Protein backbone atom coordinates (compact mmCIF):
# COMPACT_ATOMS: atom_id res chain seq x y z
CA MET A 1 -38.98 169.34 -267.26
CA ALA A 2 -40.63 170.24 -263.97
CA ARG A 3 -42.94 173.62 -264.31
CA GLN A 4 -42.11 176.17 -261.67
CA CYS A 5 -44.44 176.45 -258.51
CA SER A 6 -45.71 180.22 -257.01
CA ILE A 7 -47.15 180.57 -253.67
CA ARG A 8 -50.12 182.48 -253.25
CA PHE A 9 -51.50 183.23 -249.74
CA ARG A 10 -55.42 183.65 -249.76
CA ILE A 11 -57.00 186.09 -247.31
CA GLU A 12 -59.78 183.96 -245.45
CA PRO A 13 -61.71 184.37 -242.18
CA GLY A 14 -60.85 181.93 -239.67
CA GLN A 15 -57.46 177.10 -230.48
CA ILE A 16 -54.88 179.57 -230.14
CA VAL A 17 -51.51 178.27 -230.09
CA GLY A 18 -47.85 179.63 -229.47
CA ARG A 19 -44.80 177.37 -229.80
CA GLY A 20 -44.16 174.85 -227.83
CA GLY A 21 -47.75 173.74 -227.52
CA VAL A 22 -49.35 176.45 -225.59
CA THR A 23 -53.03 176.86 -226.37
CA GLU A 24 -54.46 180.23 -225.83
CA GLU A 25 -57.68 181.73 -225.47
CA ALA A 26 -59.24 183.36 -228.66
CA VAL A 27 -61.33 186.64 -229.08
CA THR A 28 -63.44 187.24 -231.98
CA ALA A 29 -63.36 190.33 -233.75
CA ASP A 30 -66.26 191.53 -231.89
CA GLY A 31 -63.93 191.18 -228.55
CA HIS A 32 -66.12 188.09 -227.43
CA MET A 33 -64.68 184.79 -226.23
CA ALA A 34 -64.37 181.99 -228.94
CA ASP A 35 -64.66 178.21 -228.42
CA THR A 36 -61.02 177.33 -228.98
CA LYS A 37 -61.97 173.41 -229.45
CA SER A 38 -65.54 172.56 -231.04
CA ASN A 39 -64.79 173.93 -234.23
CA VAL A 40 -61.57 171.85 -235.33
CA VAL A 41 -61.71 169.01 -237.72
CA ALA A 42 -58.03 167.54 -237.20
CA VAL A 43 -56.23 165.20 -239.49
CA ASP A 44 -55.27 163.72 -236.03
CA LYS A 45 -56.10 165.19 -232.76
CA ARG A 46 -52.80 164.71 -231.09
CA THR A 47 -50.64 166.45 -233.49
CA PHE A 48 -52.92 169.51 -234.31
CA THR A 49 -51.16 171.82 -232.21
CA ALA A 50 -47.89 171.10 -233.46
CA MET A 51 -49.31 171.11 -236.89
CA MET A 52 -50.58 174.78 -236.61
CA GLU A 53 -47.32 175.53 -235.48
CA GLN A 54 -45.70 173.97 -238.26
CA LEU A 55 -47.92 175.75 -240.90
CA GLN A 56 -47.18 179.12 -239.44
CA GLU A 57 -43.33 178.39 -239.39
CA GLY A 58 -43.96 177.44 -242.91
CA TYR A 59 -45.86 180.46 -243.78
CA VAL A 60 -42.91 183.05 -242.31
CA THR A 61 -40.31 181.07 -243.96
CA THR A 62 -41.77 181.26 -247.44
CA VAL A 63 -42.19 185.06 -246.85
CA ALA A 64 -38.84 185.62 -245.46
CA ALA A 65 -37.40 183.78 -248.53
CA THR A 66 -39.19 185.83 -250.75
CA ALA A 67 -38.03 189.12 -249.21
CA GLY A 68 -34.32 187.51 -249.49
CA CYS A 69 -34.15 186.80 -245.34
CA THR A 70 -32.98 184.12 -243.61
CA VAL A 71 -35.04 181.99 -240.70
CA GLU A 72 -33.41 180.86 -237.28
CA PRO A 73 -35.47 179.05 -235.01
CA ILE A 74 -34.62 180.02 -231.37
CA PRO A 75 -34.56 176.88 -229.52
CA LYS A 76 -34.77 177.90 -225.99
CA ASP A 77 -37.68 180.21 -225.23
CA LEU A 78 -35.52 182.45 -222.67
CA TYR A 79 -36.65 185.81 -223.80
CA GLY A 80 -40.71 185.18 -225.61
CA CYS A 81 -39.49 184.93 -229.17
CA ASP A 82 -39.64 181.93 -231.68
CA LEU A 83 -37.86 183.07 -234.36
CA ARG A 84 -34.78 185.80 -235.63
CA LEU A 85 -35.33 186.83 -239.18
CA VAL A 86 -31.92 188.08 -240.73
CA ARG A 87 -31.57 190.22 -244.09
CA PRO A 88 -28.09 190.14 -244.87
CA GLY A 89 -26.13 193.29 -246.18
CA ARG A 90 -26.97 194.23 -249.51
CA ARG A 91 -23.09 195.35 -249.81
CA SER A 92 -19.89 193.89 -248.59
CA ASP A 93 -19.88 197.17 -246.23
CA GLU A 94 -23.39 196.98 -245.06
CA GLU A 95 -24.30 195.20 -241.79
CA GLU A 96 -27.40 192.64 -241.68
CA VAL A 97 -30.48 193.55 -240.24
CA PRO A 98 -31.91 191.32 -237.46
CA LEU A 99 -35.79 190.83 -236.19
CA LEU A 100 -36.76 188.64 -233.55
CA VAL A 101 -40.86 187.22 -233.91
CA GLN A 102 -43.10 185.96 -231.31
CA LEU A 103 -45.82 183.55 -233.40
CA LYS A 104 -49.41 182.79 -232.08
CA ASN A 105 -51.70 181.05 -234.11
CA THR A 106 -55.51 180.74 -234.09
CA THR A 107 -58.34 178.92 -235.59
CA THR A 108 -61.23 180.85 -233.97
CA VAL A 109 -60.32 184.59 -234.56
CA LYS A 110 -62.05 185.96 -237.52
CA PRO A 111 -60.60 189.56 -238.47
CA ASN A 112 -63.18 191.77 -240.45
CA PRO A 113 -60.75 193.30 -243.16
CA ALA A 114 -63.34 196.35 -243.56
CA LYS A 115 -62.38 197.11 -240.00
CA ALA A 116 -59.36 198.93 -238.49
CA ALA A 117 -58.17 195.99 -236.30
CA PHE A 118 -59.01 192.94 -234.06
CA SER A 119 -58.79 191.88 -230.54
CA PHE A 120 -55.89 189.27 -229.66
CA LYS A 121 -55.89 187.82 -225.90
CA LEU A 122 -52.43 186.46 -224.80
CA ARG A 123 -52.87 183.43 -222.12
CA LYS A 124 -49.47 185.11 -220.45
CA ARG A 125 -48.63 188.60 -219.24
CA ALA A 126 -45.17 187.75 -219.92
CA TYR A 127 -45.60 187.34 -223.65
CA LEU A 128 -46.48 191.07 -223.93
CA GLU A 129 -44.04 192.19 -221.39
CA ARG A 130 -41.21 190.84 -223.69
CA LEU A 131 -42.65 192.60 -226.71
CA ALA A 132 -43.55 196.07 -225.11
CA LEU A 133 -39.63 196.26 -224.17
CA LYS A 134 -37.87 199.14 -225.89
CA ARG A 135 -35.00 197.04 -227.13
CA LYS A 136 -32.08 199.05 -227.99
CA ILE A 137 -30.42 196.23 -230.52
CA GLU A 138 -32.80 193.82 -231.90
CA LYS A 139 -36.27 194.89 -232.02
CA ALA A 140 -39.43 192.08 -231.97
CA ILE A 141 -42.89 191.83 -233.31
CA LEU A 142 -45.82 189.63 -232.80
CA ILE A 143 -47.25 187.65 -235.72
CA VAL A 144 -50.53 186.08 -235.38
CA MET A 145 -52.03 183.69 -238.10
CA ILE A 146 -55.44 182.88 -238.68
CA THR A 147 -55.76 179.60 -239.76
CA SER A 148 -58.97 177.24 -240.94
CA PRO A 149 -60.08 174.92 -238.10
CA ILE A 150 -60.41 172.25 -240.83
CA GLN A 151 -56.81 170.98 -241.06
CA ALA A 152 -57.35 169.20 -244.40
CA GLU A 153 -58.06 172.68 -246.35
CA TRP A 154 -54.86 174.23 -244.79
CA THR A 155 -53.15 173.89 -248.51
CA VAL A 156 -54.40 173.50 -251.76
CA VAL A 157 -51.62 172.88 -254.79
CA ASP A 158 -51.74 173.41 -258.42
CA HIS A 159 -49.13 173.35 -260.87
CA ASP A 160 -48.38 176.88 -261.12
CA LEU A 161 -49.73 177.91 -257.52
CA MET A 162 -50.24 176.98 -253.80
CA LEU A 163 -52.86 178.28 -251.56
CA VAL A 164 -52.57 178.89 -247.92
CA LYS A 165 -55.15 179.22 -245.48
CA HIS A 166 -55.43 182.00 -244.31
CA CYS A 167 -53.42 184.83 -243.22
CA CYS A 168 -50.83 186.02 -240.81
CA TYR A 169 -50.68 189.85 -239.27
CA TRP A 170 -47.51 191.40 -237.92
CA GLU A 171 -47.70 194.14 -235.21
CA THR A 172 -45.29 196.10 -232.93
CA LEU A 173 -46.10 196.28 -229.56
CA GLU A 174 -42.98 198.25 -228.32
CA GLY A 175 -44.08 200.43 -225.82
CA HIS A 176 -47.39 199.03 -224.87
CA PRO A 177 -48.48 199.87 -221.86
CA VAL A 178 -48.52 196.88 -219.29
CA ASP A 179 -50.90 196.62 -216.88
CA ARG A 180 -49.54 194.12 -213.74
CA ASN A 181 -53.00 193.52 -212.43
CA VAL A 182 -54.14 191.61 -216.00
CA ASN A 183 -52.60 188.12 -216.47
CA GLU A 184 -54.31 187.65 -219.93
CA PRO A 185 -53.77 190.69 -221.66
CA SER A 186 -55.17 191.60 -224.84
CA VAL A 187 -53.83 193.49 -227.73
CA ARG A 188 -54.95 195.03 -231.02
CA ILE A 189 -53.53 193.89 -234.25
CA ARG A 190 -54.25 195.94 -237.17
CA THR A 191 -55.96 194.59 -240.25
CA THR A 192 -53.74 196.28 -243.03
CA ASN A 193 -50.47 194.61 -241.10
CA VAL A 194 -50.62 191.79 -243.41
CA PHE A 195 -47.54 189.84 -243.29
CA ASP A 196 -46.25 189.17 -246.92
CA ALA A 197 -42.90 189.91 -248.35
CA PRO A 198 -43.38 193.52 -249.37
CA ALA A 199 -44.46 193.95 -245.65
CA LEU A 200 -41.16 192.46 -244.27
CA THR A 201 -38.93 194.49 -246.86
CA GLU A 202 -40.30 197.58 -245.88
CA ILE A 203 -40.06 196.36 -241.93
CA MET A 204 -36.31 195.80 -242.54
CA ASN A 205 -35.72 198.86 -244.40
CA ARG A 206 -37.16 200.70 -241.60
CA LEU A 207 -34.95 198.97 -239.07
CA GLY A 208 -31.65 199.44 -241.39
CA ARG A 209 -32.48 203.27 -241.30
CA GLY A 210 -32.82 203.20 -237.29
CA GLU A 211 -36.38 204.15 -237.90
CA SER A 212 -39.41 203.19 -235.44
CA LEU A 213 -41.78 200.44 -236.62
CA SER A 214 -45.12 202.13 -234.67
């Protein structure tokens, strides 16, 4: 009889990519620009960016499953979001709770958990514009994954657990100021906003009650 496996995410310090293979510039925890290529040790350099996207989608999907939410990929990037997470109604008379997600992944930003936040730079102002919208129906968050530049070390599997390097952080940017003179804006991501099942459950609870995520 096969033994059950549990999944555990280990947070360790860690090319930034968004879905579609767009490479982003990186900013270190101290606000300095970081090299996005020299630190990468890829299994296959031709597919490294695509594998970063796949790793993050797997992380988010696993967390969503643990929190009782479904994950719906958005095939056409028309409004700056990659996934829609949906929590079904708990009762037959309770409606579902949806959440839009924009995904970003980096191997160079290294957040210090002892600090309140880290800086993350977006390649396009449009990414921030879509996240900063004060949406009336579906809310949206940014999920940034900190990934090891050594691809072969991304996962470690044993009989009773699976380790994934490193960690996703979430942030709501609704109402965030957008400077039209800045083409590549930076945003602050709180280190307390680790994206895990309890965090997603609380996000959905707040949305279900009509509360702000700010």
